Amino acid sequence: MSRMKESFAEDVEKAINQVVNIFQANPKRFWNKRDLLWILFHYLNQQEIFQDKQATDFIRAEFPTRAMYQAKKTARGHYDLAILQPESLAIPNVSGMAPWAPWGEYLSLVKVSVAVELKMWLDRWSDMERVQWDIQKLTDAQNAVQHAYLLSFAQLDFSRPQMQEYYRKLRGFLIAQKKRSPNLKILCVPSDAAIQPETSANWL
């Protein structure tokens, strides 16, 4: 089980890189962020560690944060994708929890190994400031996320100079966020690979 936990982040990054490849090879296939999340789930389940039936139980969608946020009318946030630490689901209170049970009783017992927030940028009017909320959820010490990922996919018409300029602005904004949260792994990938020819530059 310890080998399984250590491999989670490595396998998540392998799956993310596969999503990047298919996104740039056929960007018109993706109409919204749910399309990207579906492909991410698909490639994640192909990783060796998740061939174990038990391991797939640790992958969760829209998993709630431990912390409550007044800015959200005293509500919990949710991660687009989370991978729970194996020890958490081994706790009887958690493994036997009913789907309708209130989360407040259990979240202190559940540890998040990996949390992912995904953004898809479709036009230059997208509000960059909404990213701050995702970063807060991922980096808040109360939530105790071990490996946090913010994934940004820019699905733009790069034949238009204003869209190229917007992408540069978006990338600069995310670089600034990375400097404030150096432990947060941030991806910024354009639908047109020629805009960012060095694939290693997708990770900020």
Protein backbone atom coordinates (compact mmCIF):
# COMPACT_ATOMS: atom_id res chain seq x y z
CA MET A 1 0.00 0.00 0.00
CA SER A 2 2.90 2.40 0.69
CA ARG A 3 4.22 1.73 -2.84
CA MET A 4 0.75 2.57 -4.15
CA LYS A 5 0.63 5.90 -2.31
CA GLU A 6 4.10 6.94 -3.46
CA SER A 7 3.18 6.24 -7.09
CA PHE A 8 0.02 8.34 -7.19
CA ALA A 9 1.63 11.69 -8.08
CA GLU A 10 3.96 10.08 -10.62
CA ASP A 11 1.07 8.32 -12.35
CA VAL A 12 -1.09 11.45 -12.30
CA GLU A 13 1.65 13.36 -14.12
CA LYS A 14 1.97 10.59 -16.71
CA ALA A 15 -1.78 10.76 -17.33
CA ILE A 16 -1.71 14.57 -17.53
CA ASN A 17 1.06 14.44 -20.14
CA GLN A 18 -1.05 12.06 -22.22
CA VAL A 19 -3.97 14.50 -22.02
CA VAL A 20 -1.68 17.31 -23.17
CA ASN A 21 -0.61 15.27 -26.19
CA ILE A 22 -4.14 14.42 -27.30
CA PHE A 23 -5.36 17.97 -26.59
CA GLN A 24 -2.77 19.44 -28.92
CA ALA A 25 -3.15 16.70 -31.52
CA ASN A 26 -6.92 17.20 -31.81
CA PRO A 27 -7.99 20.32 -29.88
CA LYS A 28 -11.43 20.61 -31.50
CA ARG A 29 -12.36 17.35 -29.81
CA PHE A 30 -12.65 19.20 -26.49
CA TRP A 31 -15.61 21.54 -26.02
CA ASN A 32 -15.44 22.08 -22.27
CA LYS A 33 -13.46 21.12 -19.18
CA ARG A 34 -15.60 18.04 -18.55
CA ASP A 35 -14.33 16.57 -21.81
CA LEU A 36 -10.77 17.05 -20.55
CA LEU A 37 -11.58 15.58 -17.14
CA TRP A 38 -13.11 12.52 -18.78
CA ILE A 39 -9.91 11.93 -20.79
CA LEU A 40 -7.82 12.49 -17.66
CA PHE A 41 -9.84 9.84 -15.80
CA HIS A 42 -9.41 7.52 -18.79
CA TYR A 43 -5.62 7.81 -18.88
CA LEU A 44 -5.33 7.71 -15.12
CA ASN A 45 -7.13 4.38 -15.05
CA GLN A 46 -4.66 3.05 -17.63
CA GLN A 47 -1.69 3.63 -15.31
CA GLU A 48 -0.22 0.48 -13.83
CA ILE A 49 -1.00 1.39 -10.23
CA PHE A 50 -4.70 1.77 -11.01
CA GLN A 51 -4.97 -1.63 -12.67
CA ASP A 52 -5.49 -2.84 -9.11
CA LYS A 53 -9.26 -2.81 -8.60
CA GLN A 54 -8.83 -1.57 -5.05
CA ALA A 55 -6.82 1.43 -6.19
CA THR A 56 -9.65 2.80 -8.34
CA ASP A 57 -11.67 3.30 -5.14
CA PHE A 58 -9.28 6.09 -4.19
CA ILE A 59 -10.12 8.23 -7.25
CA ARG A 60 -12.93 10.67 -6.49
CA ALA A 61 -14.64 13.48 -8.41
CA GLU A 62 -15.89 16.69 -6.76
CA PHE A 63 -14.36 15.71 -3.44
CA PRO A 64 -15.01 18.30 -0.69
CA THR A 65 -12.38 20.34 1.12
CA ARG A 66 -11.89 20.06 4.85
CA ALA A 67 -12.01 23.81 5.26
CA MET A 68 -15.21 25.87 5.20
CA TYR A 69 -15.14 29.23 3.38
CA GLN A 70 -17.25 32.23 4.34
CA ALA A 71 -16.71 33.78 0.93
CA LYS A 72 -18.71 30.84 -0.39
CA LYS A 73 -21.52 31.37 2.15
CA THR A 74 -19.80 29.11 4.68
CA ALA A 75 -19.61 26.15 2.34
CA ARG A 76 -16.93 23.67 1.44
CA GLY A 77 -15.05 23.84 -1.82
CA HIS A 78 -14.66 20.80 -4.07
CA TYR A 79 -11.76 19.47 -6.13
CA ASP A 80 -12.38 18.45 -9.72
CA LEU A 81 -10.45 15.26 -9.04
CA ALA A 82 -8.94 13.82 -5.87
CA ILE A 83 -7.01 10.70 -4.99
CA LEU A 84 -7.39 9.68 -1.37
CA GLN A 85 -4.64 8.11 0.66
CA PRO A 86 -5.25 4.36 1.02
CA GLU A 87 -5.16 4.49 4.81
CA SER A 88 -8.19 6.79 4.81
CA LEU A 89 -10.55 4.30 3.19
CA ALA A 90 -9.26 1.58 5.49
CA ILE A 91 -10.74 3.39 8.51
CA PRO A 92 -14.03 1.61 9.38
CA ASN A 93 -15.95 4.86 9.91
CA VAL A 94 -14.95 6.03 6.42
CA SER A 95 -15.25 2.76 4.52
CA GLY A 96 -18.69 2.18 6.01
CA MET A 97 -19.94 5.73 5.46
CA ALA A 98 -23.31 6.03 3.78
CA PRO A 99 -23.40 8.21 0.62
CA TRP A 100 -25.92 10.55 2.25
CA ALA A 101 -23.97 10.96 5.51
CA PRO A 102 -22.82 14.50 6.38
CA TRP A 103 -19.20 14.98 5.37
CA GLY A 104 -18.29 17.02 8.43
CA GLU A 105 -17.99 13.91 10.56
CA TYR A 106 -15.51 12.21 8.26
CA LEU A 107 -13.31 14.76 6.52
CA SER A 108 -10.87 15.04 9.40
CA LEU A 109 -10.17 11.31 8.92
CA VAL A 110 -9.66 11.48 5.14
CA LYS A 111 -6.29 12.52 3.73
CA VAL A 112 -5.95 13.71 0.13
CA SER A 113 -2.85 12.44 -1.65
CA VAL A 114 -3.55 14.29 -4.92
CA ALA A 115 -5.98 17.10 -5.74
CA VAL A 116 -6.52 18.49 -9.25
CA GLU A 117 -8.30 21.62 -10.42
CA LEU A 118 -8.74 22.04 -14.17
CA LYS A 119 -9.49 25.18 -16.16
CA MET A 120 -10.27 25.49 -19.86
CA TRP A 121 -9.79 28.92 -21.40
CA LEU A 122 -12.06 29.42 -24.41
CA ASP A 123 -11.84 33.16 -24.99
CA ARG A 124 -9.94 36.20 -23.84
CA TRP A 125 -12.81 37.40 -21.70
CA SER A 126 -12.30 34.59 -19.22
CA ASP A 127 -11.81 35.93 -15.69
CA MET A 128 -8.31 35.05 -14.51
CA GLU A 129 -9.19 35.97 -10.95
CA ARG A 130 -11.40 32.88 -10.58
CA VAL A 131 -8.17 30.89 -10.48
CA GLN A 132 -7.49 32.38 -7.04
CA TRP A 133 -10.32 30.31 -5.56
CA ASP A 134 -8.88 27.09 -6.98
CA ILE A 135 -5.43 27.96 -5.65
CA GLN A 136 -6.87 28.66 -2.22
CA LYS A 137 -8.49 25.23 -2.10
CA LEU A 138 -5.33 23.50 -3.28
CA THR A 139 -2.86 25.30 -1.01
CA ASP A 140 -4.85 25.97 2.18
CA ALA A 141 -2.96 24.19 4.96
CA GLN A 142 -6.27 23.17 6.56
CA ASN A 143 -6.98 20.92 3.57
CA ALA A 144 -3.60 19.17 3.87
CA VAL A 145 -3.30 18.20 0.20
CA GLN A 146 -0.07 16.31 -0.35
CA HIS A 147 0.27 16.89 -4.13
CA ALA A 148 -1.70 19.76 -5.69
CA TYR A 149 -2.19 20.45 -9.43
CA LEU A 150 -3.72 23.41 -11.26
CA LEU A 151 -4.18 22.52 -14.94
CA SER A 152 -4.91 25.25 -17.50
CA PHE A 153 -5.75 24.34 -21.10
CA ALA A 154 -6.04 27.28 -23.51
CA GLN A 155 -8.48 26.35 -26.30
CA LEU A 156 -8.05 29.49 -28.41
CA ASP A 157 -7.98 30.57 -32.04
CA PHE A 158 -4.25 31.29 -32.16
CA SER A 159 -4.45 32.51 -35.77
CA ARG A 160 -5.67 35.76 -34.22
CA PRO A 161 -2.85 37.93 -32.79
CA GLN A 162 -5.06 39.11 -29.93
CA MET A 163 -5.47 35.52 -28.77
CA GLN A 164 -1.71 35.00 -28.81
CA GLU A 165 -1.36 38.12 -26.69
CA TYR A 166 -4.08 36.88 -24.33
CA TYR A 167 -2.25 33.58 -23.91
CA ARG A 168 0.96 35.41 -23.01
CA LYS A 169 -1.00 37.38 -20.42
CA LEU A 170 -2.56 34.20 -19.02
CA ARG A 171 0.81 32.48 -18.83
CA GLY A 172 2.36 35.47 -17.07
CA PHE A 173 -0.50 35.53 -14.58
CA LEU A 174 -0.01 31.83 -13.77
CA ILE A 175 3.75 32.24 -13.44
CA ALA A 176 3.07 34.91 -10.80
CA GLN A 177 0.77 32.47 -8.95
CA LYS A 178 3.48 29.82 -9.07
CA LYS A 179 5.94 32.20 -7.42
CA ARG A 180 3.46 32.73 -4.58
CA SER A 181 2.76 29.00 -4.20
CA PRO A 182 5.97 27.22 -5.25
CA ASN A 183 4.75 23.78 -4.11
CA LEU A 184 1.69 23.98 -6.36
CA LYS A 185 2.25 22.32 -9.73
CA ILE A 186 0.81 24.50 -12.49
CA LEU A 187 0.31 23.51 -16.12
CA CYS A 188 -0.38 26.04 -18.87
CA VAL A 189 -0.76 24.46 -22.30
CA PRO A 190 -2.00 26.01 -25.58
CA SER A 191 -4.13 24.08 -28.06
CA ASP A 192 -1.61 25.04 -30.76
CA ALA A 193 1.71 23.39 -29.88
CA ALA A 194 3.59 25.90 -32.06
CA ILE A 195 2.73 28.69 -29.64
CA GLN A 196 4.84 26.94 -27.00
CA PRO A 197 7.27 24.74 -28.93
CA GLU A 198 9.21 23.58 -25.86
CA THR A 199 6.92 21.00 -24.25
CA SER A 200 8.86 21.23 -21.00
CA ALA A 201 7.61 24.82 -20.73
CA ASN A 202 4.02 23.60 -20.26
CA TRP A 203 4.84 23.10 -16.57
CA LEU A 204 5.55 26.46 -14.94
